[in-house]
Amino acid sequence: MYPARAARELGILLRISRELDVVGDLTAIVDNPSELLAWATTLSDPTLLAWRAADSGSRYLQVSATHTREPIRGQVTAVLHCDQHREFWHELSDTHDLDAGNRTPLTLADLSRAWQAMPLTPPT
């Protein structure tokens, strides 16, 4: 998947900038559960949440934390679209019964337990 034009432009600007200072909120879309777990273990005092969109019923996991140091001052959030990761979603406690429009808090232990339950598959 290729990034959108705005994302490509931002990526170029970030690469040519000597310093970066973001004042405001930042959201990153991650591609797989291991990336979300990395965000959860890297951010200080993260809030973890499983939620389903009210309109589409799509499943999401998110990790967020308030960051007050350079280079980011604001809310930092990573989001994983879980409709492509149903096995991981089902391994999380009580998320498989979550109705559209609802959310439930999670812990880092929940994410770790779900990740450990995932089967290891060699690359094809």
PDB file of N, CA and C in Angstrom:
ATOM      1  N   MET A   1       0.832  -1.165   0.000  1.00  0.00           N
ATOM      2  CA  MET A   1       0.000   0.000   0.000  1.00  0.00           C
ATOM      3  C   MET A   1       0.887   1.242   0.000  1.00  0.00           C
ATOM      4  N   TYR A   2       0.621   2.173  -0.896  1.00  0.00           N
ATOM      5  CA  TYR A   2       1.384   3.402  -0.978  1.00  0.00           C
ATOM      6  C   TYR A   2       0.735   4.466  -0.108  1.00  0.00           C
ATOM      7  N   PRO A   3       1.557   5.288   0.554  1.00  0.00           N
ATOM      8  CA  PRO A   3       0.974   6.342   1.387  1.00  0.00           C
ATOM      9  C   PRO A   3       0.281   7.394   0.536  1.00  0.00           C
ATOM     10  N   ALA A   4      -0.667   8.060   1.136  1.00  0.00           N
ATOM     11  CA  ALA A   4      -1.381   9.140   0.462  1.00  0.00           C
ATOM     12  C   ALA A   4      -0.406  10.273   0.143  1.00  0.00           C
ATOM     13  N   ARG A   5      -0.786  11.117  -0.785  1.00  0.00           N
ATOM     14  CA  ARG A   5       0.084  12.217  -1.221  1.00  0.00           C
ATOM     15  C   ARG A   5       0.511  13.087  -0.036  1.00  0.00           C
ATOM     16  N   ALA A   6      -0.432  13.424   0.836  1.00  0.00           N
ATOM     17  CA  ALA A   6      -0.106  14.269   1.990  1.00  0.00           C
ATOM     18  C   ALA A   6       0.908  13.575   2.904  1.00  0.00           C
ATOM     19  N   ALA A   7       0.784  12.263   3.078  1.00  0.00           N
ATOM     20  CA  ALA A   7       1.725  11.521   3.914  1.00  0.00           C
ATOM     21  C   ALA A   7       3.108  11.495   3.279  1.00  0.00           C
ATOM     22  N   ARG A   8       3.164  11.344   1.953  1.00  0.00           N
ATOM     23  CA  ARG A   8       4.463  11.367   1.251  1.00  0.00           C
ATOM     24  C   ARG A   8       5.125  12.725   1.402  1.00  0.00           C
ATOM     25  N   GLU A   9       4.332  13.792   1.241  1.00  0.00           N
ATOM     26  CA  GLU A   9       4.871  15.144   1.377  1.00  0.00           C
ATOM     27  C   GLU A   9       5.422  15.369   2.783  1.00  0.00           C
ATOM     28  N   LEU A  10       4.673  14.960   3.781  1.00  0.00           N
ATOM     29  CA  LEU A  10       5.109  15.118   5.156  1.00  0.00           C
ATOM     30  C   LEU A  10       6.381  14.314   5.411  1.00  0.00           C
ATOM     31  N   GLY A  11       6.438  13.094   4.876  1.00  0.00           N
ATOM     32  CA  GLY A  11       7.630  12.264   5.028  1.00  0.00           C
ATOM     33  C   GLY A  11       8.864  12.927   4.442  1.00  0.00           C
ATOM     34  N   ILE A  12       8.718  13.541   3.285  1.00  0.00           N
ATOM     35  CA  ILE A  12       9.842  14.238   2.639  1.00  0.00           C
ATOM     36  C   ILE A  12      10.276  15.424   3.501  1.00  0.00           C
ATOM     37  N   LEU A  13       9.312  16.195   3.966  1.00  0.00           N
ATOM     38  CA  LEU A  13       9.646  17.351   4.790  1.00  0.00           C
ATOM     39  C   LEU A  13      10.353  16.935   6.078  1.00  0.00           C
ATOM     40  N   LEU A  14       9.903  15.831   6.682  1.00  0.00           N
ATOM     41  CA  LEU A  14      10.536  15.365   7.909  1.00  0.00           C
ATOM     42  C   LEU A  14      11.971  14.899   7.658  1.00  0.00           C
ATOM     43  N   ARG A  15      12.211  14.262   6.509  1.00  0.00           N
ATOM     44  CA  ARG A  15      13.560  13.790   6.197  1.00  0.00           C
ATOM     45  C   ARG A  15      14.527  14.942   5.939  1.00  0.00           C
ATOM     46  N   ILE A  16      14.052  16.048   5.383  1.00  0.00           N
ATOM     47  CA  ILE A  16      14.964  17.146   5.079  1.00  0.00           C
ATOM     48  C   ILE A  16      15.083  18.134   6.237  1.00  0.00           C
ATOM     49  N   SER A  17      14.284  17.966   7.285  1.00  0.00           N
ATOM     50  CA  SER A  17      14.345  18.867   8.434  1.00  0.00           C
ATOM     51  C   SER A  17      15.420  18.397   9.407  1.00  0.00           C
ATOM     52  N   ARG A  18      16.137  19.362   9.951  1.00  0.00           N
ATOM     53  CA  ARG A  18      17.173  19.035  10.916  1.00  0.00           C
ATOM     54  C   ARG A  18      16.578  18.682  12.276  1.00  0.00           C
ATOM     55  N   GLU A  19      15.502  19.346  12.658  1.00  0.00           N
ATOM     56  CA  GLU A  19      14.861  19.086  13.936  1.00  0.00           C
ATOM     57  C   GLU A  19      13.353  18.983  13.732  1.00  0.00           C
ATOM     58  N   LEU A  20      12.720  18.318  14.656  1.00  0.00           N
ATOM     59  CA  LEU A  20      11.281  18.145  14.600  1.00  0.00           C
ATOM     60  C   LEU A  20      10.705  18.503  15.957  1.00  0.00           C
ATOM     61  N   ASP A  21       9.672  19.317  15.971  1.00  0.00           N
ATOM     62  CA  ASP A  21       8.988  19.668  17.203  1.00  0.00           C
ATOM     63  C   ASP A  21       7.501  19.725  16.888  1.00  0.00           C
ATOM     64  N   VAL A  22       6.759  18.741  17.371  1.00  0.00           N
ATOM     65  CA  VAL A  22       5.325  18.662  17.130  1.00  0.00           C
ATOM     66  C   VAL A  22       4.606  19.153  18.374  1.00  0.00           C
ATOM     67  N   VAL A  23       3.784  20.168  18.220  1.00  0.00           N
ATOM     68  CA  VAL A  23       2.957  20.658  19.316  1.00  0.00           C
ATOM     69  C   VAL A  23       1.524  20.379  18.899  1.00  0.00           C
ATOM     70  N   GLY A  24       0.947  19.377  19.508  1.00  0.00           N
ATOM     71  CA  GLY A  24      -0.401  18.957  19.149  1.00  0.00           C
ATOM     72  C   GLY A  24      -0.473  17.436  19.159  1.00  0.00           C
ATOM     73  N   ASP A  25      -1.593  16.909  18.774  1.00  0.00           N
ATOM     74  CA  ASP A  25      -1.812  15.471  18.822  1.00  0.00           C
ATOM     75  C   ASP A  25      -1.231  14.791  17.591  1.00  0.00           C
ATOM     76  N   LEU A  26      -0.821  13.549  17.787  1.00  0.00           N
ATOM     77  CA  LEU A  26      -0.226  12.762  16.718  1.00  0.00           C
ATOM     78  C   LEU A  26      -0.852  11.373  16.734  1.00  0.00           C
ATOM     79  N   THR A  27      -1.346  10.917  15.586  1.00  0.00           N
ATOM     80  CA  THR A  27      -1.914   9.580  15.469  1.00  0.00           C
ATOM     81  C   THR A  27      -1.183   8.824  14.378  1.00  0.00           C
ATOM     82  N   ALA A  28      -0.768   7.606  14.708  1.00  0.00           N
ATOM     83  CA  ALA A  28      -0.105   6.732  13.737  1.00  0.00           C
ATOM     84  C   ALA A  28      -0.977   5.504  13.528  1.00  0.00           C
ATOM     85  N   ILE A  29      -1.134   5.107  12.285  1.00  0.00           N
ATOM     86  CA  ILE A  29      -1.839   3.875  11.957  1.00  0.00           C
ATOM     87  C   ILE A  29      -0.782   2.786  11.820  1.00  0.00           C
ATOM     88  N   VAL A  30      -0.917   1.716  12.584  1.00  0.00           N
ATOM     89  CA  VAL A  30       0.048   0.619  12.517  1.00  0.00           C
ATOM     90  C   VAL A  30      -0.553  -0.533  11.730  1.00  0.00           C
ATOM     91  N   ASP A  31       0.320  -1.382  11.177  1.00  0.00           N
ATOM     92  CA  ASP A  31      -0.125  -2.445  10.281  1.00  0.00           C
ATOM     93  C   ASP A  31      -0.370  -3.787  10.951  1.00  0.00           C
ATOM     94  N   ASN A  32       0.240  -4.012  12.116  1.00  0.00           N
ATOM     95  CA  ASN A  32       0.082  -5.333  12.726  1.00  0.00           C
ATOM     96  C   ASN A  32       0.167  -5.248  14.247  1.00  0.00           C
ATOM     97  N   PRO A  33      -0.280  -6.299  14.927  1.00  0.00           N
ATOM     98  CA  PRO A  33      -0.303  -6.283  16.395  1.00  0.00           C
ATOM     99  C   PRO A  33       1.068  -6.077  17.035  1.00  0.00           C
ATOM    100  N   SER A  34       2.139  -6.575  16.403  1.00  0.00           N
ATOM    101  CA  SER A  34       3.463  -6.401  17.010  1.00  0.00           C
ATOM    102  C   SER A  34       3.851  -4.923  17.064  1.00  0.00           C
ATOM    103  N   GLU A  35       3.476  -4.157  16.055  1.00  0.00           N
ATOM    104  CA  GLU A  35       3.765  -2.722  16.071  1.00  0.00           C
ATOM    105  C   GLU A  35       2.972  -2.019  17.181  1.00  0.00           C
ATOM    106  N   LEU A  36       1.712  -2.414  17.359  1.00  0.00           N
ATOM    107  CA  LEU A  36       0.907  -1.825  18.428  1.00  0.00           C
ATOM    108  C   LEU A  36       1.503  -2.156  19.790  1.00  0.00           C
ATOM    109  N   LEU A  37       1.949  -3.384  19.958  1.00  0.00           N
ATOM    110  CA  LEU A  37       2.583  -3.803  21.208  1.00  0.00           C
ATOM    111  C   LEU A  37       3.862  -2.997  21.448  1.00  0.00           C
ATOM    112  N   ALA A  38       4.619  -2.726  20.395  1.00  0.00           N
ATOM    113  CA  ALA A  38       5.826  -1.907  20.528  1.00  0.00           C
ATOM    114  C   ALA A  38       5.478  -0.500  21.007  1.00  0.00           C
ATOM    115  N   TRP A  39       4.437   0.088  20.449  1.00  0.00           N
ATOM    116  CA  TRP A  39       3.998   1.414  20.903  1.00  0.00           C
ATOM    117  C   TRP A  39       3.586   1.356  22.373  1.00  0.00           C
ATOM    118  N   ALA A  40       2.847   0.315  22.731  1.00  0.00           N
ATOM    119  CA  ALA A  40       2.346   0.204  24.107  1.00  0.00           C
ATOM    120  C   ALA A  40       3.476   0.071  25.120  1.00  0.00           C
ATOM    121  N   THR A  41       4.551  -0.606  24.731  1.00  0.00           N
ATOM    122  CA  THR A  41       5.665  -0.768  25.670  1.00  0.00           C
ATOM    123  C   THR A  41       6.620   0.420  25.656  1.00  0.00           C
ATOM    124  N   THR A  42       6.559   1.251  24.626  1.00  0.00           N
ATOM    125  CA  THR A  42       7.456   2.395  24.521  1.00  0.00           C
ATOM    126  C   THR A  42       6.884   3.650  25.170  1.00  0.00           C
ATOM    127  N   LEU A  43       5.592   3.880  25.006  1.00  0.00           N
ATOM    128  CA  LEU A  43       4.968   5.074  25.577  1.00  0.00           C
ATOM    129  C   LEU A  43       4.884   4.964  27.097  1.00  0.00           C
ATOM    130  N   SER A  44       5.031   6.085  27.776  1.00  0.00           N
ATOM    131  CA  SER A  44       4.925   6.117  29.236  1.00  0.00           C
ATOM    132  C   SER A  44       3.467   6.175  29.664  1.00  0.00           C
ATOM    133  N   ASP A  45       3.087   5.280  30.550  1.00  0.00           N
ATOM    134  CA  ASP A  45       1.740   5.237  31.124  1.00  0.00           C
ATOM    135  C   ASP A  45       0.641   5.274  30.052  1.00  0.00           C
ATOM    136  N   PRO A  46       0.672   4.310  29.120  1.00  0.00           N
ATOM    137  CA  PRO A  46      -0.312   4.331  28.034  1.00  0.00           C
ATOM    138  C   PRO A  46      -1.710   3.896  28.481  1.00  0.00           C
ATOM    139  N   THR A  47      -2.698   4.386  27.747  1.00  0.00           N
ATOM    140  CA  THR A  47      -4.081   3.944  27.888  1.00  0.00           C
ATOM    141  C   THR A  47      -4.367   3.050  26.683  1.00  0.00           C
ATOM    142  N   LEU A  48      -4.872   1.842  26.942  1.00  0.00           N
ATOM    143  CA  LEU A  48      -5.167   0.901  25.865  1.00  0.00           C
ATOM    144  C   LEU A  48      -6.666   0.704  25.793  1.00  0.00           C
ATOM    145  N   LEU A  49      -7.173   0.644  24.574  1.00  0.00           N
ATOM    146  CA  LEU A  49      -8.608   0.610  24.368  1.00  0.00           C
ATOM    147  C   LEU A  49      -8.951  -0.237  23.148  1.00  0.00           C
ATOM    148  N   ALA A  50      -9.957  -1.083  23.289  1.00  0.00           N
ATOM    149  CA  ALA A  50     -10.546  -1.793  22.147  1.00  0.00           C
ATOM    150  C   ALA A  50     -11.893  -1.135  21.897  1.00  0.00           C
ATOM    151  N   TRP A  51     -12.192  -0.864  20.635  1.00  0.00           N
ATOM    152  CA  TRP A  51     -13.470  -0.221  20.327  1.00  0.00           C
ATOM    153  C   TRP A  51     -13.957  -0.623  18.950  1.00  0.00           C
ATOM    154  N   ARG A  52     -15.271  -0.481  18.797  1.00  0.00           N
ATOM    155  CA  ARG A  52     -15.904  -0.754  17.507  1.00  0.00           C
ATOM    156  C   ARG A  52     -16.632   0.492  17.043  1.00  0.00           C
ATOM    157  N   ALA A  53     -16.447   0.803  15.773  1.00  0.00           N
ATOM    158  CA  ALA A  53     -17.103   1.973  15.193  1.00  0.00           C
ATOM    159  C   ALA A  53     -18.615   1.781  15.220  1.00  0.00           C
ATOM    160  N   ALA A  54     -19.322   2.844  15.541  1.00  0.00           N
ATOM    161  CA  ALA A  54     -20.782   2.771  15.619  1.00  0.00           C
ATOM    162  C   ALA A  54     -21.416   2.561  14.258  1.00  0.00           C
ATOM    163  N   ASP A  55     -20.874   3.198  13.224  1.00  0.00           N
ATOM    164  CA  ASP A  55     -21.504   3.125  11.906  1.00  0.00           C
ATOM    165  C   ASP A  55     -21.127   1.860  11.135  1.00  0.00           C
ATOM    166  N   SER A  56     -19.861   1.505  11.106  1.00  0.00           N
ATOM    167  CA  SER A  56     -19.427   0.354  10.306  1.00  0.00           C
ATOM    168  C   SER A  56     -19.252  -0.931  11.109  1.00  0.00           C
ATOM    169  N   GLY A  57     -19.107  -0.798  12.421  1.00  0.00           N
ATOM    170  CA  GLY A  57     -18.844  -1.974  13.248  1.00  0.00           C
ATOM    171  C   GLY A  57     -17.401  -2.449  13.158  1.00  0.00           C
ATOM    172  N   SER A  58     -16.545  -1.694  12.468  1.00  0.00           N
ATOM    173  CA  SER A  58     -15.136  -2.069  12.353  1.00  0.00           C
ATOM    174  C   SER A  58     -14.486  -2.108  13.726  1.00  0.00           C
ATOM    175  N   ARG A  59     -13.496  -2.995  13.858  1.00  0.00           N
ATOM    176  CA  ARG A  59     -12.819  -3.218  15.132  1.00  0.00           C
ATOM    177  C   ARG A  59     -11.472  -2.505  15.150  1.00  0.00           C
ATOM    178  N   TYR A  60     -11.172  -1.861  16.280  1.00  0.00           N
ATOM    179  CA  TYR A  60      -9.925  -1.120  16.423  1.00  0.00           C
ATOM    180  C   TYR A  60      -9.327  -1.341  17.805  1.00  0.00           C
ATOM    181  N   LEU A  61      -8.010  -1.322  17.850  1.00  0.00           N
ATOM    182  CA  LEU A  61      -7.277  -1.258  19.107  1.00  0.00           C
ATOM    183  C   LEU A  61      -6.464   0.015  19.057  1.00  0.00           C
ATOM    184  N   GLN A  62      -6.369   0.695  20.196  1.00  0.00           N
ATOM    185  CA  GLN A  62      -5.575   1.904  20.207  1.00  0.00           C
ATOM    186  C   GLN A  62      -4.785   1.999  21.499  1.00  0.00           C
ATOM    187  N   VAL A  63      -3.615   2.586  21.373  1.00  0.00           N
ATOM    188  CA  VAL A  63      -2.727   2.860  22.488  1.00  0.00           C
ATOM    189  C   VAL A  63      -2.484   4.361  22.461  1.00  0.00           C
ATOM    190  N   SER A  64      -2.667   5.032  23.579  1.00  0.00           N
ATOM    191  CA  SER A  64      -2.430   6.473  23.591  1.00  0.00           C
ATOM    192  C   SER A  64      -1.810   6.891  24.922  1.00  0.00           C
ATOM    193  N   ALA A  65      -1.094   7.998  24.862  1.00  0.00           N
ATOM    194  CA  ALA A  65      -0.466   8.555  26.053  1.00  0.00           C
ATOM    195  C   ALA A  65      -0.221  10.039  25.830  1.00  0.00           C
ATOM    196  N   THR A  66      -0.200  10.763  26.912  1.00  0.00           N
ATOM    197  CA  THR A  66       0.168  12.164  26.850  1.00  0.00           C
ATOM    198  C   THR A  66       1.688  12.243  26.869  1.00  0.00           C
ATOM    199  N   HIS A  67       2.230  13.000  25.934  1.00  0.00           N
ATOM    200  CA  HIS A  67       3.677  13.139  25.825  1.00  0.00           C
ATOM    201  C   HIS A  67       4.012  14.610  26.024  1.00  0.00           C
ATOM    202  N   THR A  68       4.927  14.914  26.937  1.00  0.00           N
ATOM    203  CA  THR A  68       5.206  16.311  27.272  1.00  0.00           C
ATOM    204  C   THR A  68       6.645  16.724  27.001  1.00  0.00           C
ATOM    205  N   ARG A  69       7.407  15.853  26.335  1.00  0.00           N
ATOM    206  CA  ARG A  69       8.809  16.160  26.043  1.00  0.00           C
ATOM    207  C   ARG A  69       9.016  16.290  24.543  1.00  0.00           C
ATOM    208  N   GLU A  70      10.134  16.924  24.188  1.00  0.00           N
ATOM    209  CA  GLU A  70      10.507  16.978  22.776  1.00  0.00           C
ATOM    210  C   GLU A  70      10.647  15.566  22.243  1.00  0.00           C
ATOM    211  N   PRO A  71      10.333  15.278  21.048  1.00  0.00           N
ATOM    212  CA  PRO A  71       9.934  16.212  20.012  1.00  0.00           C
ATOM    213  C   PRO A  71       8.421  16.350  19.879  1.00  0.00           C
ATOM    214  N   ILE A  72       7.661  15.695  20.776  1.00  0.00           N
ATOM    215  CA  ILE A  72       6.196  15.749  20.659  1.00  0.00           C
ATOM    216  C   ILE A  72       5.613  16.210  21.986  1.00  0.00           C
ATOM    217  N   ARG A  73       4.771  17.199  21.898  1.00  0.00           N
ATOM    218  CA  ARG A  73       4.030  17.655  23.072  1.00  0.00           C
ATOM    219  C   ARG A  73       2.554  17.572  22.725  1.00  0.00           C
ATOM    220  N   GLY A  74       1.903  16.549  23.237  1.00  0.00           N
ATOM    221  CA  GLY A  74       0.488  16.352  22.942  1.00  0.00           C
ATOM    222  C   GLY A  74       0.106  14.903  23.168  1.00  0.00           C
ATOM    223  N   GLN A  75      -1.048  14.541  22.702  1.00  0.00           N
ATOM    224  CA  GLN A  75      -1.544  13.167  22.809  1.00  0.00           C
ATOM    225  C   GLN A  75      -0.965  12.351  21.656  1.00  0.00           C
ATOM    226  N   VAL A  76      -0.310  11.245  21.976  1.00  0.00           N
ATOM    227  CA  VAL A  76       0.271  10.357  20.968  1.00  0.00           C
ATOM    228  C   VAL A  76      -0.576   9.091  20.950  1.00  0.00           C
ATOM    229  N   THR A  77      -1.048   8.709  19.768  1.00  0.00           N
ATOM    230  CA  THR A  77      -1.937   7.556  19.639  1.00  0.00           C
ATOM    231  C   THR A  77      -1.496   6.674  18.480  1.00  0.00           C
ATOM    232  N   ALA A  78      -1.531   5.373  18.700  1.00  0.00           N
ATOM    233  CA  ALA A  78      -1.319   4.397  17.631  1.00  0.00           C
ATOM    234  C   ALA A  78      -2.592   3.570  17.524  1.00  0.00           C
ATOM    235  N   VAL A  79      -3.057   3.346  16.298  1.00  0.00           N
ATOM    236  CA  VAL A  79      -4.315   2.634  16.064  1.00  0.00           C
ATOM    237  C   VAL A  79      -4.070   1.456  15.128  1.00  0.00           C
ATOM    238  N   LEU A  80      -4.641   0.319  15.487  1.00  0.00           N
ATOM    239  CA  LEU A  80      -4.587  -0.892  14.655  1.00  0.00           C
ATOM    240  C   LEU A  80      -5.997  -1.244  14.223  1.00  0.00           C
ATOM    241  N   HIS A  81      -6.221  -1.354  12.908  1.00  0.00           N
ATOM    242  CA  HIS A  81      -7.510  -1.790  12.371  1.00  0.00           C
ATOM    243  C   HIS A  81      -7.544  -3.308  12.490  1.00  0.00           C
ATOM    244  N   CYS A  82      -8.414  -3.830  13.320  1.00  0.00           N
ATOM    245  CA  CYS A  82      -8.381  -5.262  13.657  1.00  0.00           C
ATOM    246  C   CYS A  82      -9.268  -6.145  12.792  1.00  0.00           C
ATOM    247  N   ASP A  83      -9.981  -5.586  11.838  1.00  0.00           N
ATOM    248  CA  ASP A  83     -10.763  -6.460  10.971  1.00  0.00           C
ATOM    249  C   ASP A  83      -9.852  -7.370  10.153  1.00  0.00           C
ATOM    250  N   GLN A  84      -8.597  -6.960   9.948  1.00  0.00           N
ATOM    251  CA  GLN A  84      -7.625  -7.816   9.263  1.00  0.00           C
ATOM    252  C   GLN A  84      -6.860  -8.702  10.247  1.00  0.00           C
ATOM    253  N   HIS A  85      -7.103  -8.527  11.535  1.00  0.00           N
ATOM    254  CA  HIS A  85      -6.391  -9.282  12.573  1.00  0.00           C
ATOM    255  C   HIS A  85      -7.396  -9.882  13.561  1.00  0.00           C
ATOM    256  N   ARG A  86      -8.365 -10.606  13.007  1.00  0.00           N
ATOM    257  CA  ARG A  86      -9.446 -11.148  13.845  1.00  0.00           C
ATOM    258  C   ARG A  86      -8.935 -12.115  14.910  1.00  0.00           C
ATOM    259  N   GLU A  87      -7.917 -12.937  14.589  1.00  0.00           N
ATOM    260  CA  GLU A  87      -7.396 -13.878  15.584  1.00  0.00           C
ATOM    261  C   GLU A  87      -6.861 -13.128  16.795  1.00  0.00           C
ATOM    262  N   PHE A  88      -6.133 -12.056  16.550  1.00  0.00           N
ATOM    263  CA  PHE A  88      -5.594 -11.258  17.647  1.00  0.00           C
ATOM    264  C   PHE A  88      -6.734 -10.623  18.444  1.00  0.00           C
ATOM    265  N   TRP A  89      -7.711 -10.073  17.743  1.00  0.00           N
ATOM    266  CA  TRP A  89      -8.878  -9.455  18.388  1.00  0.00           C
ATOM    267  C   TRP A  89      -9.574 -10.458  19.309  1.00  0.00           C
ATOM    268  N   HIS A  90      -9.765 -11.681  18.826  1.00  0.00           N
ATOM    269  CA  HIS A  90     -10.474 -12.689  19.617  1.00  0.00           C
ATOM    270  C   HIS A  90      -9.677 -13.173  20.816  1.00  0.00           C
ATOM    271  N   GLU A  91      -8.364 -13.045  20.773  1.00  0.00           N
ATOM    272  CA  GLU A  91      -7.539 -13.443  21.911  1.00  0.00           C
ATOM    273  C   GLU A  91      -7.615 -12.452  23.066  1.00  0.00           C
ATOM    274  N   LEU A  92      -8.062 -11.237  22.781  1.00  0.00           N
ATOM    275  CA  LEU A  92      -8.178 -10.227  23.831  1.00  0.00           C
ATOM    276  C   LEU A  92      -9.412 -10.492  24.678  1.00  0.00           C
ATOM    277  N   SER A  93      -9.309 -10.277  25.955  1.00  0.00           N
ATOM    278  CA  SER A  93     -10.411 -10.583  26.862  1.00  0.00           C
ATOM    279  C   SER A  93     -11.647  -9.745  26.550  1.00  0.00           C
ATOM    280  N   ASP A  94     -12.743 -10.404  26.319  1.00  0.00           N
ATOM    281  CA  ASP A  94     -14.077  -9.806  26.158  1.00  0.00           C
ATOM    282  C   ASP A  94     -14.271  -8.936  24.916  1.00  0.00           C
ATOM    283  N   THR A  95     -13.277  -8.792  24.052  1.00  0.00           N
ATOM    284  CA  THR A  95     -13.472  -7.931  22.896  1.00  0.00           C
ATOM    285  C   THR A  95     -14.332  -8.587  21.835  1.00  0.00           C
ATOM    286  N   HIS A  96     -14.330  -9.920  21.769  1.00  0.00           N
ATOM    287  CA  HIS A  96     -15.099 -10.579  20.718  1.00  0.00           C
ATOM    288  C   HIS A  96     -16.600 -10.373  20.887  1.00  0.00           C
ATOM    289  N   ASP A  97     -17.042 -10.006  22.090  1.00  0.00           N
ATOM    290  CA  ASP A  97     -18.458  -9.747  22.333  1.00  0.00           C
ATOM    291  C   ASP A  97     -18.800  -8.258  22.291  1.00  0.00           C
ATOM    292  N   LEU A  98     -17.860  -7.421  21.930  1.00  0.00           N
ATOM    293  CA  LEU A  98     -18.060  -5.979  21.936  1.00  0.00           C
ATOM    294  C   LEU A  98     -19.020  -5.574  20.815  1.00  0.00           C
ATOM    295  N   ASP A  99     -20.089  -4.890  21.187  1.00  0.00           N
ATOM    296  CA  ASP A  99     -21.067  -4.418  20.201  1.00  0.00           C
ATOM    297  C   ASP A  99     -20.570  -3.170  19.495  1.00  0.00           C
ATOM    298  N   ALA A 100     -21.072  -2.935  18.289  1.00  0.00           N
ATOM    299  CA  ALA A 100     -20.727  -1.731  17.536  1.00  0.00           C
ATOM    300  C   ALA A 100     -21.062  -0.498  18.367  1.00  0.00           C
ATOM    301  N   GLY A 101     -20.149   0.470  18.352  1.00  0.00           N
ATOM    302  CA  GLY A 101     -20.338   1.697  19.114  1.00  0.00           C
ATOM    303  C   GLY A 101     -19.826   1.635  20.531  1.00  0.00           C
ATOM    304  N   ASN A 102     -19.361   0.482  20.977  1.00  0.00           N
ATOM    305  CA  ASN A 102     -18.877   0.333  22.354  1.00  0.00           C
ATOM    306  C   ASN A 102     -17.359   0.233  22.392  1.00  0.00           C
ATOM    307  N   ARG A 103     -16.831   0.399  23.597  1.00  0.00           N
ATOM    308  CA  ARG A 103     -15.386   0.287  23.811  1.00  0.00           C
ATOM    309  C   ARG A 103     -15.128  -0.350  25.162  1.00  0.00           C
ATOM    310  N   THR A 104     -13.919  -0.890  25.300  1.00  0.00           N
ATOM    311  CA  THR A 104     -13.534  -1.507  26.568  1.00  0.00           C
ATOM    312  C   THR A 104     -12.054  -1.257  26.813  1.00  0.00           C
ATOM    313  N   PRO A 105     -11.695  -0.942  28.047  1.00  0.00           N
ATOM    314  CA  PRO A 105     -10.280  -0.718  28.347  1.00  0.00           C
ATOM    315  C   PRO A 105      -9.514  -2.047  28.351  1.00  0.00           C
ATOM    316  N   LEU A 106      -8.236  -1.962  28.025  1.00  0.00           N
ATOM    317  CA  LEU A 106      -7.350  -3.117  28.036  1.00  0.00           C
ATOM    318  C   LEU A 106      -6.112  -2.777  28.846  1.00  0.00           C
ATOM    319  N   THR A 107      -5.311  -3.799  29.111  1.00  0.00           N
ATOM    320  CA  THR A 107      -4.043  -3.601  29.789  1.00  0.00           C
ATOM    321  C   THR A 107      -2.917  -4.081  28.883  1.00  0.00           C
ATOM    322  N   LEU A 108      -1.710  -3.705  29.230  1.00  0.00           N
ATOM    323  CA  LEU A 108      -0.550  -4.191  28.499  1.00  0.00           C
ATOM    324  C   LEU A 108      -0.466  -5.712  28.615  1.00  0.00           C
ATOM    325  N   ALA A 109      -0.860  -6.242  29.765  1.00  0.00           N
ATOM    326  CA  ALA A 109      -0.881  -7.697  29.951  1.00  0.00           C
ATOM    327  C   ALA A 109      -1.857  -8.360  28.976  1.00  0.00           C
ATOM    328  N   ASP A 110      -2.999  -7.725  28.706  1.00  0.00           N
ATOM    329  CA  ASP A 110      -3.959  -8.257  27.728  1.00  0.00           C
ATOM    330  C   ASP A 110      -3.321  -8.346  26.346  1.00  0.00           C
ATOM    331  N   LEU A 111      -2.655  -7.269  25.921  1.00  0.00           N
ATOM    332  CA  LEU A 111      -2.001  -7.270  24.614  1.00  0.00           C
ATOM    333  C   LEU A 111      -0.900  -8.327  24.541  1.00  0.00           C
ATOM    334  N   SER A 112      -0.107  -8.413  25.596  1.00  0.00           N
ATOM    335  CA  SER A 112       0.984  -9.393  25.618  1.00  0.00           C
ATOM    336  C   SER A 112       0.456 -10.816  25.561  1.00  0.00           C
ATOM    337  N   ARG A 113      -0.595 -11.091  26.318  1.00  0.00           N
ATOM    338  CA  ARG A 113      -1.193 -12.432  26.340  1.00  0.00           C
ATOM    339  C   ARG A 113      -1.760 -12.786  24.963  1.00  0.00           C
ATOM    340  N   ALA A 114      -2.415 -11.839  24.324  1.00  0.00           N
ATOM    341  CA  ALA A 114      -2.975 -12.088  22.987  1.00  0.00           C
ATOM    342  C   ALA A 114      -1.856 -12.338  21.980  1.00  0.00           C
ATOM    343  N   TRP A 115      -0.768 -11.577  22.093  1.00  0.00           N
ATOM    344  CA  TRP A 115       0.363 -11.752  21.173  1.00  0.00           C
ATOM    345  C   TRP A 115       1.006 -13.125  21.364  1.00  0.00           C
ATOM    346  N   GLN A 116       1.153 -13.548  22.612  1.00  0.00           N
ATOM    347  CA  GLN A 116       1.758 -14.863  22.890  1.00  0.00           C
ATOM    348  C   GLN A 116       0.909 -15.997  22.353  1.00  0.00           C
ATOM    349  N   ALA A 117      -0.392 -15.796  22.280  1.00  0.00           N
ATOM    350  CA  ALA A 117      -1.292 -16.842  21.792  1.00  0.00           C
ATOM    351  C   ALA A 117      -1.298 -16.954  20.275  1.00  0.00           C
ATOM    352  N   MET A 118      -0.741 -15.953  19.595  1.00  0.00           N
ATOM    353  CA  MET A 118      -0.755 -15.969  18.128  1.00  0.00           C
ATOM    354  C   MET A 118       0.204 -17.039  17.605  1.00  0.00           C
ATOM    355  N   PRO A 119      -0.212 -17.783  16.594  1.00  0.00           N
ATOM    356  CA  PRO A 119       0.683 -18.813  16.029  1.00  0.00           C
ATOM    357  C   PRO A 119       1.812 -18.161  15.225  1.00  0.00           C
ATOM    358  N   LEU A 120       2.959 -18.767  15.294  1.00  0.00           N
ATOM    359  CA  LEU A 120       4.090 -18.293  14.496  1.00  0.00           C
ATOM    360  C   LEU A 120       4.018 -18.960  13.119  1.00  0.00           C
ATOM    361  N   THR A 121       4.022 -18.157  12.095  1.00  0.00           N
ATOM    362  CA  THR A 121       3.981 -18.703  10.744  1.00  0.00           C
ATOM    363  C   THR A 121       5.200 -18.205   9.981  1.00  0.00           C
ATOM    364  N   PRO A 122       5.924 -19.096   9.337  1.00  0.00           N
ATOM    365  CA  PRO A 122       7.098 -18.670   8.582  1.00  0.00           C
ATOM    366  C   PRO A 122       6.689 -17.864   7.354  1.00  0.00           C
ATOM    367  N   PRO A 123       7.554 -16.952   6.904  1.00  0.00           N
ATOM    368  CA  PRO A 123       7.224 -16.187   5.694  1.00  0.00           C
ATOM    369  C   PRO A 123       7.145 -17.098   4.476  1.00  0.00           C
ATOM    370  N   THR A 124       6.279 -16.753   3.542  1.00  0.00           N
ATOM    371  CA  THR A 124       6.118 -17.581   2.340  1.00  0.00           C
ATOM    372  C   THR A 124       6.987 -17.085   1.212  1.00  0.00           C
TER     373      THR A 124
END
